[in-house]
PDB file of N, CA and C in Angstrom:
ATOM      1  N   MET A   1     103.361  93.320 109.194  1.00  0.00           N
ATOM      2  CA  MET A   1     103.714  94.714 109.280  1.00  0.00           C
ATOM      3  C   MET A   1     104.971  94.921 110.124  1.00  0.00           C
ATOM      4  N   ALA A   2     105.126  94.113 111.153  1.00  0.00           N
ATOM      5  CA  ALA A   2     106.276  94.271 112.043  1.00  0.00           C
ATOM      6  C   ALA A   2     107.584  94.072 111.282  1.00  0.00           C
ATOM      7  N   ALA A   3     107.594  93.158 110.316  1.00  0.00           N
ATOM      8  CA  ALA A   3     108.805  92.925 109.530  1.00  0.00           C
ATOM      9  C   ALA A   3     109.175  94.170 108.725  1.00  0.00           C
ATOM     10  N   PHE A   4     108.171  94.854 108.190  1.00  0.00           N
ATOM     11  CA  PHE A   4     108.426  96.096 107.458  1.00  0.00           C
ATOM     12  C   PHE A   4     108.911  97.187 108.424  1.00  0.00           C
ATOM     13  N   GLU A   5     108.207  97.334 109.532  1.00  0.00           N
ATOM     14  CA  GLU A   5     108.568  98.381 110.492  1.00  0.00           C
ATOM     15  C   GLU A   5     109.989  98.190 111.022  1.00  0.00           C
ATOM     16  N   GLY A   6     110.389  96.932 111.199  1.00  0.00           N
ATOM     17  CA  GLY A   6     111.735  96.642 111.661  1.00  0.00           C
ATOM     18  C   GLY A   6     112.811  97.031 110.669  1.00  0.00           C
ATOM     19  N   ARG A   7     112.407  97.270 109.454  1.00  0.00           N
ATOM     20  CA  ARG A   7     113.345  97.688 108.404  1.00  0.00           C
ATOM     21  C   ARG A   7     113.149  99.152 108.012  1.00  0.00           C
ATOM     22  N   GLY A   8     112.506  99.912 108.889  1.00  0.00           N
ATOM     23  CA  GLY A   8     112.406 101.346 108.689  1.00  0.00           C
ATOM     24  C   GLY A   8     111.197 101.851 107.928  1.00  0.00           C
ATOM     25  N   TRP A   9     110.251 100.977 107.628  1.00  0.00           N
ATOM     26  CA  TRP A   9     109.036 101.406 106.939  1.00  0.00           C
ATOM     27  C   TRP A   9     108.087 102.031 107.946  1.00  0.00           C
ATOM     28  N   ALA A  10     107.485 103.155 107.571  1.00  0.00           N
ATOM     29  CA  ALA A  10     106.476 103.797 108.417  1.00  0.00           C
ATOM     30  C   ALA A  10     105.109 103.277 108.014  1.00  0.00           C
ATOM     31  N   LYS A  11     104.208 103.092 108.997  1.00  0.00           N
ATOM     32  CA  LYS A  11     102.874 102.621 108.651  1.00  0.00           C
ATOM     33  C   LYS A  11     101.861 103.745 108.822  1.00  0.00           C
ATOM     34  N   GLU A  12     100.740 103.613 108.090  1.00  0.00           N
ATOM     35  CA  GLU A  12      99.653 104.597 108.131  1.00  0.00           C
ATOM     36  C   GLU A  12     100.163 106.006 107.819  1.00  0.00           C
ATOM     37  N   VAL A  13     100.847 106.128 106.683  1.00  0.00           N
ATOM     38  CA  VAL A  13     101.436 107.395 106.255  1.00  0.00           C
ATOM     39  C   VAL A  13     100.412 108.187 105.445  1.00  0.00           C
ATOM     40  N   PRO A  14     100.177 109.458 105.783  1.00  0.00           N
ATOM     41  CA  PRO A  14      99.211 110.257 105.020  1.00  0.00           C
ATOM     42  C   PRO A  14      99.592 110.349 103.538  1.00  0.00           C
ATOM     43  N   VAL A  15      98.586 110.257 102.687  1.00  0.00           N
ATOM     44  CA  VAL A  15      98.799 110.341 101.242  1.00  0.00           C
ATOM     45  C   VAL A  15      99.169 111.766 100.850  1.00  0.00           C
ATOM     46  N   SER A  16      98.555 112.749 101.510  1.00  0.00           N
ATOM     47  CA  SER A  16      98.839 114.146 101.193  1.00  0.00           C
ATOM     48  C   SER A  16      98.923 114.955 102.477  1.00  0.00           C
ATOM     49  N   ASN A  17      99.317 116.202 102.331  1.00  0.00           N
ATOM     50  CA  ASN A  17      99.381 117.112 103.473  1.00  0.00           C
ATOM     51  C   ASN A  17      98.042 117.817 103.702  1.00  0.00           C
ATOM     52  N   ASN A  18      97.062 117.523 102.873  1.00  0.00           N
ATOM     53  CA  ASN A  18      95.745 118.126 102.977  1.00  0.00           C
ATOM     54  C   ASN A  18      95.007 117.518 104.170  1.00  0.00           C
ATOM     55  N   GLU A  19      94.747 118.311 105.167  1.00  0.00           N
ATOM     56  CA  GLU A  19      94.111 117.811 106.392  1.00  0.00           C
ATOM     57  C   GLU A  19      92.656 117.433 106.198  1.00  0.00           C
ATOM     58  N   ASP A  20      92.041 117.864 105.096  1.00  0.00           N
ATOM     59  CA  ASP A  20      90.643 117.524 104.834  1.00  0.00           C
ATOM     60  C   ASP A  20      90.473 116.075 104.401  1.00  0.00           C
ATOM     61  N   HIS A  21      91.557 115.442 104.025  1.00  0.00           N
ATOM     62  CA  HIS A  21      91.505 114.052 103.576  1.00  0.00           C
ATOM     63  C   HIS A  21      92.347 113.199 104.516  1.00  0.00           C
ATOM     64  N   GLU A  22      91.778 112.093 104.932  1.00  0.00           N
ATOM     65  CA  GLU A  22      92.489 111.223 105.866  1.00  0.00           C
ATOM     66  C   GLU A  22      92.979 109.947 105.200  1.00  0.00           C
ATOM     67  N   GLN A  23      93.205 109.993 103.900  1.00  0.00           N
ATOM     68  CA  GLN A  23      93.708 108.821 103.196  1.00  0.00           C
ATOM     69  C   GLN A  23      95.143 108.540 103.627  1.00  0.00           C
ATOM     70  N   ARG A  24      95.439 107.257 103.855  1.00  0.00           N
ATOM     71  CA  ARG A  24      96.775 106.860 104.307  1.00  0.00           C
ATOM     72  C   ARG A  24      97.247 105.625 103.548  1.00  0.00           C
ATOM     73  N   PHE A  25      98.551 105.558 103.345  1.00  0.00           N
ATOM     74  CA  PHE A  25      99.163 104.356 102.794  1.00  0.00           C
ATOM     75  C   PHE A  25      99.392 103.369 103.931  1.00  0.00           C
ATOM     76  N   ASP A  26      99.320 102.093 103.617  1.00  0.00           N
ATOM     77  CA  ASP A  26      99.614 101.090 104.638  1.00  0.00           C
ATOM     78  C   ASP A  26     101.053 101.235 105.130  1.00  0.00           C
ATOM     79  N   LEU A  27     101.978 101.430 104.180  1.00  0.00           N
ATOM     80  CA  LEU A  27     103.403 101.570 104.506  1.00  0.00           C
ATOM     81  C   LEU A  27     104.050 102.533 103.520  1.00  0.00           C
ATOM     82  N   ALA A  28     105.129 103.179 103.952  1.00  0.00           N
ATOM     83  CA  ALA A  28     105.878 104.043 103.043  1.00  0.00           C
ATOM     84  C   ALA A  28     107.314 104.187 103.535  1.00  0.00           C
ATOM     85  N   LYS A  29     108.208 104.357 102.547  1.00  0.00           N
ATOM     86  CA  LYS A  29     109.627 104.571 102.852  1.00  0.00           C
ATOM     87  C   LYS A  29     110.332 104.998 101.570  1.00  0.00           C
ATOM     88  N   ASP A  30     111.165 106.012 101.670  1.00  0.00           N
ATOM     89  CA  ASP A  30     112.015 106.427 100.544  1.00  0.00           C
ATOM     90  C   ASP A  30     111.241 106.597  99.233  1.00  0.00           C
ATOM     91  N   ARG A  31     110.123 107.319  99.288  1.00  0.00           N
ATOM     92  CA  ARG A  31     109.308 107.650  98.102  1.00  0.00           C
ATOM     93  C   ARG A  31     108.658 106.419  97.453  1.00  0.00           C
ATOM     94  N   VAL A  32     108.502 105.364  98.254  1.00  0.00           N
ATOM     95  CA  VAL A  32     107.787 104.153  97.843  1.00  0.00           C
ATOM     96  C   VAL A  32     106.611 103.967  98.792  1.00  0.00           C
ATOM     97  N   ALA A  33     105.403 103.833  98.229  1.00  0.00           N
ATOM     98  CA  ALA A  33     104.205 103.603  99.034  1.00  0.00           C
ATOM     99  C   ALA A  33     103.719 102.179  98.806  1.00  0.00           C
ATOM    100  N   VAL A  34     103.256 101.543  99.869  1.00  0.00           N
ATOM    101  CA  VAL A  34     102.789 100.157  99.799  1.00  0.00           C
ATOM    102  C   VAL A  34     101.337 100.097 100.264  1.00  0.00           C
ATOM    103  N   GLU A  35     100.520  99.406  99.481  1.00  0.00           N
ATOM    104  CA  GLU A  35      99.148  99.101  99.865  1.00  0.00           C
ATOM    105  C   GLU A  35      99.005  97.585  99.861  1.00  0.00           C
ATOM    106  N   ILE A  36      98.419  97.040 100.913  1.00  0.00           N
ATOM    107  CA  ILE A  36      98.193  95.606 101.031  1.00  0.00           C
ATOM    108  C   ILE A  36      96.692  95.390 100.924  1.00  0.00           C
ATOM    109  N   GLU A  37      96.281  94.682  99.879  1.00  0.00           N
ATOM    110  CA  GLU A  37      94.843  94.547  99.615  1.00  0.00           C
ATOM    111  C   GLU A  37      94.455  93.095  99.395  1.00  0.00           C
ATOM    112  N   PHE A  38      93.824  92.517 100.416  1.00  0.00           N
ATOM    113  CA  PHE A  38      93.341  91.143 100.330  1.00  0.00           C
ATOM    114  C   PHE A  38      91.826  91.044 100.488  1.00  0.00           C
ATOM    115  N   SER A  39      91.183  92.108 100.928  1.00  0.00           N
ATOM    116  CA  SER A  39      89.781  91.992 101.342  1.00  0.00           C
ATOM    117  C   SER A  39      88.766  92.099 100.208  1.00  0.00           C
ATOM    118  N   ARG A  40      88.734  93.227  99.506  1.00  0.00           N
ATOM    119  CA  ARG A  40      87.680  93.437  98.501  1.00  0.00           C
ATOM    120  C   ARG A  40      88.269  94.028  97.224  1.00  0.00           C
ATOM    121  N   TYR A  41      87.788  93.532  96.116  1.00  0.00           N
ATOM    122  CA  TYR A  41      88.250  93.995  94.808  1.00  0.00           C
ATOM    123  C   TYR A  41      88.066  95.502  94.642  1.00  0.00           C
ATOM    124  N   GLU A  42      86.937  96.043  95.086  1.00  0.00           N
ATOM    125  CA  GLU A  42      86.640  97.465  94.906  1.00  0.00           C
ATOM    126  C   GLU A  42      87.682  98.363  95.562  1.00  0.00           C
ATOM    127  N   PHE A  43      88.305  97.882  96.624  1.00  0.00           N
ATOM    128  CA  PHE A  43      89.284  98.698  97.331  1.00  0.00           C
ATOM    129  C   PHE A  43      90.540  98.945  96.501  1.00  0.00           C
ATOM    130  N   LEU A  44      90.753  98.155  95.450  1.00  0.00           N
ATOM    131  CA  LEU A  44      91.899  98.390  94.580  1.00  0.00           C
ATOM    132  C   LEU A  44      91.834  99.782  93.960  1.00  0.00           C
ATOM    133  N   TYR A  45      90.634 100.230  93.619  1.00  0.00           N
ATOM    134  CA  TYR A  45      90.496 101.536  92.976  1.00  0.00           C
ATOM    135  C   TYR A  45      90.888 102.665  93.925  1.00  0.00           C
ATOM    136  N   ARG A  46      90.575 102.518  95.189  1.00  0.00           N
ATOM    137  CA  ARG A  46      91.010 103.486  96.196  1.00  0.00           C
ATOM    138  C   ARG A  46      92.536 103.506  96.240  1.00  0.00           C
ATOM    139  N   ASP A  47      93.143 102.324  96.176  1.00  0.00           N
ATOM    140  CA  ASP A  47      94.604 102.233  96.202  1.00  0.00           C
ATOM    141  C   ASP A  47      95.225 102.881  94.971  1.00  0.00           C
ATOM    142  N   TYR A  48      94.655 102.614  93.792  1.00  0.00           N
ATOM    143  CA  TYR A  48      95.173 103.237  92.565  1.00  0.00           C
ATOM    144  C   TYR A  48      95.135 104.759  92.687  1.00  0.00           C
ATOM    145  N   LEU A  49      94.025 105.290  93.193  1.00  0.00           N
ATOM    146  CA  LEU A  49      93.891 106.747  93.318  1.00  0.00           C
ATOM    147  C   LEU A  49      94.833 107.317  94.375  1.00  0.00           C
ATOM    148  N   ARG A  50      95.073 106.584  95.443  1.00  0.00           N
ATOM    149  CA  ARG A  50      96.052 107.031  96.436  1.00  0.00           C
ATOM    150  C   ARG A  50      97.431 107.142  95.796  1.00  0.00           C
ATOM    151  N   PHE A  51      97.824 106.102  95.060  1.00  0.00           N
ATOM    152  CA  PHE A  51      99.126 106.136  94.380  1.00  0.00           C
ATOM    153  C   PHE A  51      99.198 107.315  93.412  1.00  0.00           C
ATOM    154  N   LEU A  52      98.170 107.491  92.606  1.00  0.00           N
ATOM    155  CA  LEU A  52      98.160 108.555  91.601  1.00  0.00           C
ATOM    156  C   LEU A  52      98.225 109.930  92.250  1.00  0.00           C
ATOM    157  N   SER A  53      97.464 110.133  93.303  1.00  0.00           N
ATOM    158  CA  SER A  53      97.456 111.421  93.990  1.00  0.00           C
ATOM    159  C   SER A  53      98.838 111.761  94.547  1.00  0.00           C
ATOM    160  N   ALA A  54      99.455 110.823  95.214  1.00  0.00           N
ATOM    161  CA  ALA A  54     100.780 111.063  95.791  1.00  0.00           C
ATOM    162  C   ALA A  54     101.844 111.229  94.707  1.00  0.00           C
ATOM    163  N   TYR A  55     101.726 110.480  93.631  1.00  0.00           N
ATOM    164  CA  TYR A  55     102.668 110.582  92.511  1.00  0.00           C
ATOM    165  C   TYR A  55     102.569 111.968  91.865  1.00  0.00           C
ATOM    166  N   ASN A  56     101.342 112.419  91.626  1.00  0.00           N
ATOM    167  CA  ASN A  56     101.140 113.733  91.009  1.00  0.00           C
ATOM    168  C   ASN A  56     101.581 114.866  91.925  1.00  0.00           C
ATOM    169  N   ALA A  57     101.562 114.641  93.229  1.00  0.00           N
ATOM    170  CA  ALA A  57     102.036 115.633  94.195  1.00  0.00           C
ATOM    171  C   ALA A  57     103.537 115.502  94.461  1.00  0.00           C
ATOM    172  N   ASP A  58     104.206 114.626  93.719  1.00  0.00           N
ATOM    173  CA  ASP A  58     105.645 114.389  93.830  1.00  0.00           C
ATOM    174  C   ASP A  58     106.053 113.896  95.223  1.00  0.00           C
ATOM    175  N   LYS A  59     105.188 113.064  95.825  1.00  0.00           N
ATOM    176  CA  LYS A  59     105.500 112.473  97.130  1.00  0.00           C
ATOM    177  C   LYS A  59     106.058 111.057  97.005  1.00  0.00           C
ATOM    178  N   ILE A  60     105.723 110.357  95.916  1.00  0.00           N
ATOM    179  CA  ILE A  60     106.237 109.002  95.698  1.00  0.00           C
ATOM    180  C   ILE A  60     106.746 108.870  94.269  1.00  0.00           C
ATOM    181  N   ASP A  61     107.606 107.883  94.066  1.00  0.00           N
ATOM    182  CA  ASP A  61     108.087 107.548  92.725  1.00  0.00           C
ATOM    183  C   ASP A  61     107.422 106.283  92.203  1.00  0.00           C
ATOM    184  N   VAL A  62     106.945 105.441  93.114  1.00  0.00           N
ATOM    185  CA  VAL A  62     106.340 104.166  92.731  1.00  0.00           C
ATOM    186  C   VAL A  62     105.386 103.705  93.829  1.00  0.00           C
ATOM    187  N   GLY A  63     104.358 102.990  93.407  1.00  0.00           N
ATOM    188  CA  GLY A  63     103.462 102.343  94.354  1.00  0.00           C
ATOM    189  C   GLY A  63     103.662 100.841  94.284  1.00  0.00           C
ATOM    190  N   VAL A  64     103.519 100.170  95.400  1.00  0.00           N
ATOM    191  CA  VAL A  64     103.618  98.714  95.463  1.00  0.00           C
ATOM    192  C   VAL A  64     102.296  98.194  96.003  1.00  0.00           C
ATOM    193  N   LEU A  65     101.698  97.298  95.263  1.00  0.00           N
ATOM    194  CA  LEU A  65     100.417  96.715  95.654  1.00  0.00           C
ATOM    195  C   LEU A  65     100.634  95.233  95.924  1.00  0.00           C
ATOM    196  N   ILE A  66     100.300  94.794  97.128  1.00  0.00           N
ATOM    197  CA  ILE A  66     100.426  93.390  97.507  1.00  0.00           C
ATOM    198  C   ILE A  66      99.023  92.805  97.581  1.00  0.00           C
ATOM    199  N   THR A  67      98.792  91.725  96.833  1.00  0.00           N
ATOM    200  CA  THR A  67      97.467  91.115  96.781  1.00  0.00           C
ATOM    201  C   THR A  67      97.594  89.606  96.604  1.00  0.00           C
ATOM    202  N   HIS A  68      96.472  88.963  96.323  1.00  0.00           N
ATOM    203  CA  HIS A  68      96.438  87.512  96.140  1.00  0.00           C
ATOM    204  C   HIS A  68      96.964  87.094  94.769  1.00  0.00           C
ATOM    205  N   ALA A  69      97.665  85.986  94.729  1.00  0.00           N
ATOM    206  CA  ALA A  69      97.852  85.253  93.475  1.00  0.00           C
ATOM    207  C   ALA A  69      96.545  84.488  93.259  1.00  0.00           C
ATOM    208  N   GLU A  70      96.309  84.013  92.070  1.00  0.00           N
ATOM    209  CA  GLU A  70      95.069  83.264  91.814  1.00  0.00           C
ATOM    210  C   GLU A  70      94.961  82.071  92.767  1.00  0.00           C
ATOM    211  N   SER A  71      96.085  81.423  93.031  1.00  0.00           N
ATOM    212  CA  SER A  71      96.060  80.258  93.923  1.00  0.00           C
ATOM    213  C   SER A  71      95.764  80.652  95.374  1.00  0.00           C
ATOM    214  N   GLY A  72      95.979  81.901  95.735  1.00  0.00           N
ATOM    215  CA  GLY A  72      95.716  82.353  97.088  1.00  0.00           C
ATOM    216  C   GLY A  72      94.257  82.671  97.358  1.00  0.00           C
ATOM    217  N   LEU A  73      93.458  82.762  96.310  1.00  0.00           N
ATOM    218  CA  LEU A  73      92.039  83.089  96.482  1.00  0.00           C
ATOM    219  C   LEU A  73      91.271  82.009  97.233  1.00  0.00           C
ATOM    220  N   SER A  74      91.772  80.789  97.212  1.00  0.00           N
ATOM    221  CA  SER A  74      91.075  79.689  97.884  1.00  0.00           C
ATOM    222  C   SER A  74      91.029  79.878  99.407  1.00  0.00           C
ATOM    223  N   ARG A  75      91.886  80.738  99.946  1.00  0.00           N
ATOM    224  CA  ARG A  75      91.905  80.981 101.383  1.00  0.00           C
ATOM    225  C   ARG A  75      90.906  82.046 101.830  1.00  0.00           C
ATOM    226  N   THR A  76      90.227  82.697 100.884  1.00  0.00           N
ATOM    227  CA  THR A  76      89.317  83.776 101.252  1.00  0.00           C
ATOM    228  C   THR A  76      87.890  83.257 101.390  1.00  0.00           C
ATOM    229  N   LYS A  77      87.095  83.985 102.167  1.00  0.00           N
ATOM    230  CA  LYS A  77      85.692  83.604 102.351  1.00  0.00           C
ATOM    231  C   LYS A  77      84.874  83.822 101.084  1.00  0.00           C
ATOM    232  N   HIS A  78      85.187  84.890 100.352  1.00  0.00           N
ATOM    233  CA  HIS A  78      84.438  85.251  99.147  1.00  0.00           C
ATOM    234  C   HIS A  78      85.401  85.469  97.985  1.00  0.00           C
ATOM    235  N   PRO A  79      85.902  84.398  97.390  1.00  0.00           N
ATOM    236  CA  PRO A  79      86.916  84.547  96.346  1.00  0.00           C
ATOM    237  C   PRO A  79      86.448  85.345  95.130  1.00  0.00           C
ATOM    238  N   SER A  80      85.151  85.331  94.829  1.00  0.00           N
ATOM    239  CA  SER A  80      84.679  86.065  93.657  1.00  0.00           C
ATOM    240  C   SER A  80      84.753  87.578  93.865  1.00  0.00           C
ATOM    241  N   GLY A  81      84.780  88.037  95.106  1.00  0.00           N
ATOM    242  CA  GLY A  81      84.850  89.465  95.390  1.00  0.00           C
ATOM    243  C   GLY A  81      86.210  89.943  95.852  1.00  0.00           C
ATOM    244  N   ALA A  82      87.171  89.035  95.884  1.00  0.00           N
ATOM    245  CA  ALA A  82      88.507  89.378  96.381  1.00  0.00           C
ATOM    246  C   ALA A  82      89.407  89.880  95.253  1.00  0.00           C
ATOM    247  N   PRO A  83      90.360  90.725  95.574  1.00  0.00           N
ATOM    248  CA  PRO A  83      91.320  91.172  94.570  1.00  0.00           C
ATOM    249  C   PRO A  83      92.308  90.061  94.240  1.00  0.00           C
ATOM    250  N   SER A  84      92.875  90.139  93.050  1.00  0.00           N
ATOM    251  CA  SER A  84      93.871  89.149  92.641  1.00  0.00           C
ATOM    252  C   SER A  84      94.794  89.757  91.595  1.00  0.00           C
ATOM    253  N   MET A  85      95.903  89.087  91.366  1.00  0.00           N
ATOM    254  CA  MET A  85      96.868  89.541  90.371  1.00  0.00           C
ATOM    255  C   MET A  85      96.222  89.687  88.998  1.00  0.00           C
ATOM    256  N   ALA A  86      95.407  88.729  88.602  1.00  0.00           N
ATOM    257  CA  ALA A  86      94.769  88.787  87.281  1.00  0.00           C
ATOM    258  C   ALA A  86      93.867  90.015  87.163  1.00  0.00           C
ATOM    259  N   ARG A  87      93.115  90.305  88.218  1.00  0.00           N
ATOM    260  CA  ARG A  87      92.236  91.477  88.190  1.00  0.00           C
ATOM    261  C   ARG A  87      93.050  92.768  88.147  1.00  0.00           C
ATOM    262  N   VAL A  88      94.127  92.829  88.891  1.00  0.00           N
ATOM    263  CA  VAL A  88      94.977  94.016  88.887  1.00  0.00           C
ATOM    264  C   VAL A  88      95.588  94.217  87.506  1.00  0.00           C
ATOM    265  N   GLN A  89      96.072  93.149  86.899  1.00  0.00           N
ATOM    266  CA  GLN A  89      96.654  93.260  85.563  1.00  0.00           C
ATOM    267  C   GLN A  89      95.631  93.792  84.566  1.00  0.00           C
ATOM    268  N   THR A  90      94.430  93.263  84.598  1.00  0.00           N
ATOM    269  CA  THR A  90      93.374  93.724  83.704  1.00  0.00           C
ATOM    270  C   THR A  90      93.065  95.195  83.953  1.00  0.00           C
ATOM    271  N   ASP A  91      92.929  95.575  85.214  1.00  0.00           N
ATOM    272  CA  ASP A  91      92.656  96.971  85.561  1.00  0.00           C
ATOM    273  C   ASP A  91      93.742  97.899  85.039  1.00  0.00           C
ATOM    274  N   LEU A  92      94.995  97.551  85.304  1.00  0.00           N
ATOM    275  CA  LEU A  92      96.079  98.459  84.961  1.00  0.00           C
ATOM    276  C   LEU A  92      96.281  98.600  83.456  1.00  0.00           C
ATOM    277  N   VAL A  93      95.997  97.564  82.707  1.00  0.00           N
ATOM    278  CA  VAL A  93      96.050  97.698  81.240  1.00  0.00           C
ATOM    279  C   VAL A  93      94.966  98.671  80.782  1.00  0.00           C
ATOM    280  N   TRP A  94      93.759  98.486  81.288  1.00  0.00           N
ATOM    281  CA  TRP A  94      92.634  99.336  80.914  1.00  0.00           C
ATOM    282  C   TRP A  94      92.833 100.785  81.383  1.00  0.00           C
ATOM    283  N   LEU A  95      93.392 100.962  82.587  1.00  0.00           N
ATOM    284  CA  LEU A  95      93.543 102.290  83.180  1.00  0.00           C
ATOM    285  C   LEU A  95      94.874 102.967  82.861  1.00  0.00           C
ATOM    286  N   ARG A  96      95.736 102.331  82.078  1.00  0.00           N
ATOM    287  CA  ARG A  96      97.067 102.871  81.809  1.00  0.00           C
ATOM    288  C   ARG A  96      97.051 104.331  81.352  1.00  0.00           C
ATOM    289  N   PRO A  97      96.115 104.774  80.501  1.00  0.00           N
ATOM    290  CA  PRO A  97      96.116 106.193  80.124  1.00  0.00           C
ATOM    291  C   PRO A  97      95.795 107.133  81.301  1.00  0.00           C
ATOM    292  N   THR A  98      95.150 106.625  82.307  1.00  0.00           N
ATOM    293  CA  THR A  98      94.722 107.443  83.449  1.00  0.00           C
ATOM    294  C   THR A  98      95.639 107.285  84.656  1.00  0.00           C
ATOM    295  N   ILE A  99      95.953 106.052  84.996  1.00  0.00           N
ATOM    296  CA  ILE A  99      96.806 105.773  86.164  1.00  0.00           C
ATOM    297  C   ILE A  99      98.254 105.725  85.662  1.00  0.00           C
ATOM    298  N   THR A 100      98.919 106.875  85.709  1.00  0.00           N
ATOM    299  CA  THR A 100     100.254 107.008  85.117  1.00  0.00           C
ATOM    300  C   THR A 100     101.389 106.687  86.076  1.00  0.00           C
ATOM    301  N   VAL A 101     101.068 106.489  87.338  1.00  0.00           N
ATOM    302  CA  VAL A 101     102.089 106.159  88.325  1.00  0.00           C
ATOM    303  C   VAL A 101     102.581 104.726  88.100  1.00  0.00           C
ATOM    304  N   PRO A 102     103.885 104.496  88.195  1.00  0.00           N
ATOM    305  CA  PRO A 102     104.359 103.109  88.127  1.00  0.00           C
ATOM    306  C   PRO A 102     103.863 102.329  89.345  1.00  0.00           C
ATOM    307  N   ILE A 103     103.307 101.161  89.101  1.00  0.00           N
ATOM    308  CA  ILE A 103     102.822 100.309  90.188  1.00  0.00           C
ATOM    309  C   ILE A 103     103.439  98.930  90.027  1.00  0.00           C
ATOM    310  N   TRP A 104     104.114  98.497  91.065  1.00  0.00           N
ATOM    311  CA  TRP A 104     104.701  97.160  91.105  1.00  0.00           C
ATOM    312  C   TRP A 104     103.735  96.298  91.891  1.00  0.00           C
ATOM    313  N   VAL A 105     103.343  95.167  91.313  1.00  0.00           N
ATOM    314  CA  VAL A 105     102.349  94.292  91.943  1.00  0.00           C
ATOM    315  C   VAL A 105     103.030  93.010  92.418  1.00  0.00           C
ATOM    316  N   ILE A 106     102.773  92.662  93.674  1.00  0.00           N
ATOM    317  CA  ILE A 106     103.283  91.436  94.261  1.00  0.00           C
ATOM    318  C   ILE A 106     102.090  90.563  94.610  1.00  0.00           C
ATOM    319  N   ALA A 107     102.075  89.346  94.114  1.00  0.00           N
ATOM    320  CA  ALA A 107     100.973  88.414  94.383  1.00  0.00           C
ATOM    321  C   ALA A 107     101.466  87.305  95.304  1.00  0.00           C
ATOM    322  N   LEU A 108     100.709  87.063  96.381  1.00  0.00           N
ATOM    323  CA  LEU A 108     101.069  86.031  97.352  1.00  0.00           C
ATOM    324  C   LEU A 108     100.139  84.841  97.210  1.00  0.00           C
ATOM    325  N   LYS A 109     100.708  83.653  97.328  1.00  0.00           N
ATOM    326  CA  LYS A 109      99.918  82.422  97.202  1.00  0.00           C
ATOM    327  C   LYS A 109      99.091  82.150  98.420  1.00  0.00           C
TER     328      LYS A 109
END
């Protein structure tokens, strides 16, 4: 995170101005929101909805999701429950009619 912050990225940025919701992006800068998801596959859906909500509110132009490459799953305690590039690709193809925000996916080994 420090590398991002050193380049002007803000961390824990609210998804909306609605005070009733405390959803936050991991990082944001210049209408780009970043979510870093290595822990649980289910959390990807929260990230997709955060991107969609901010996109529909005209707060972002694109979402960036950073997750595991398939080869990176070996470093996790529970690889069967962890998010990965393959799972994200499958999700986004299936959800394309619903999740209309552009999402750039970065997979780390």
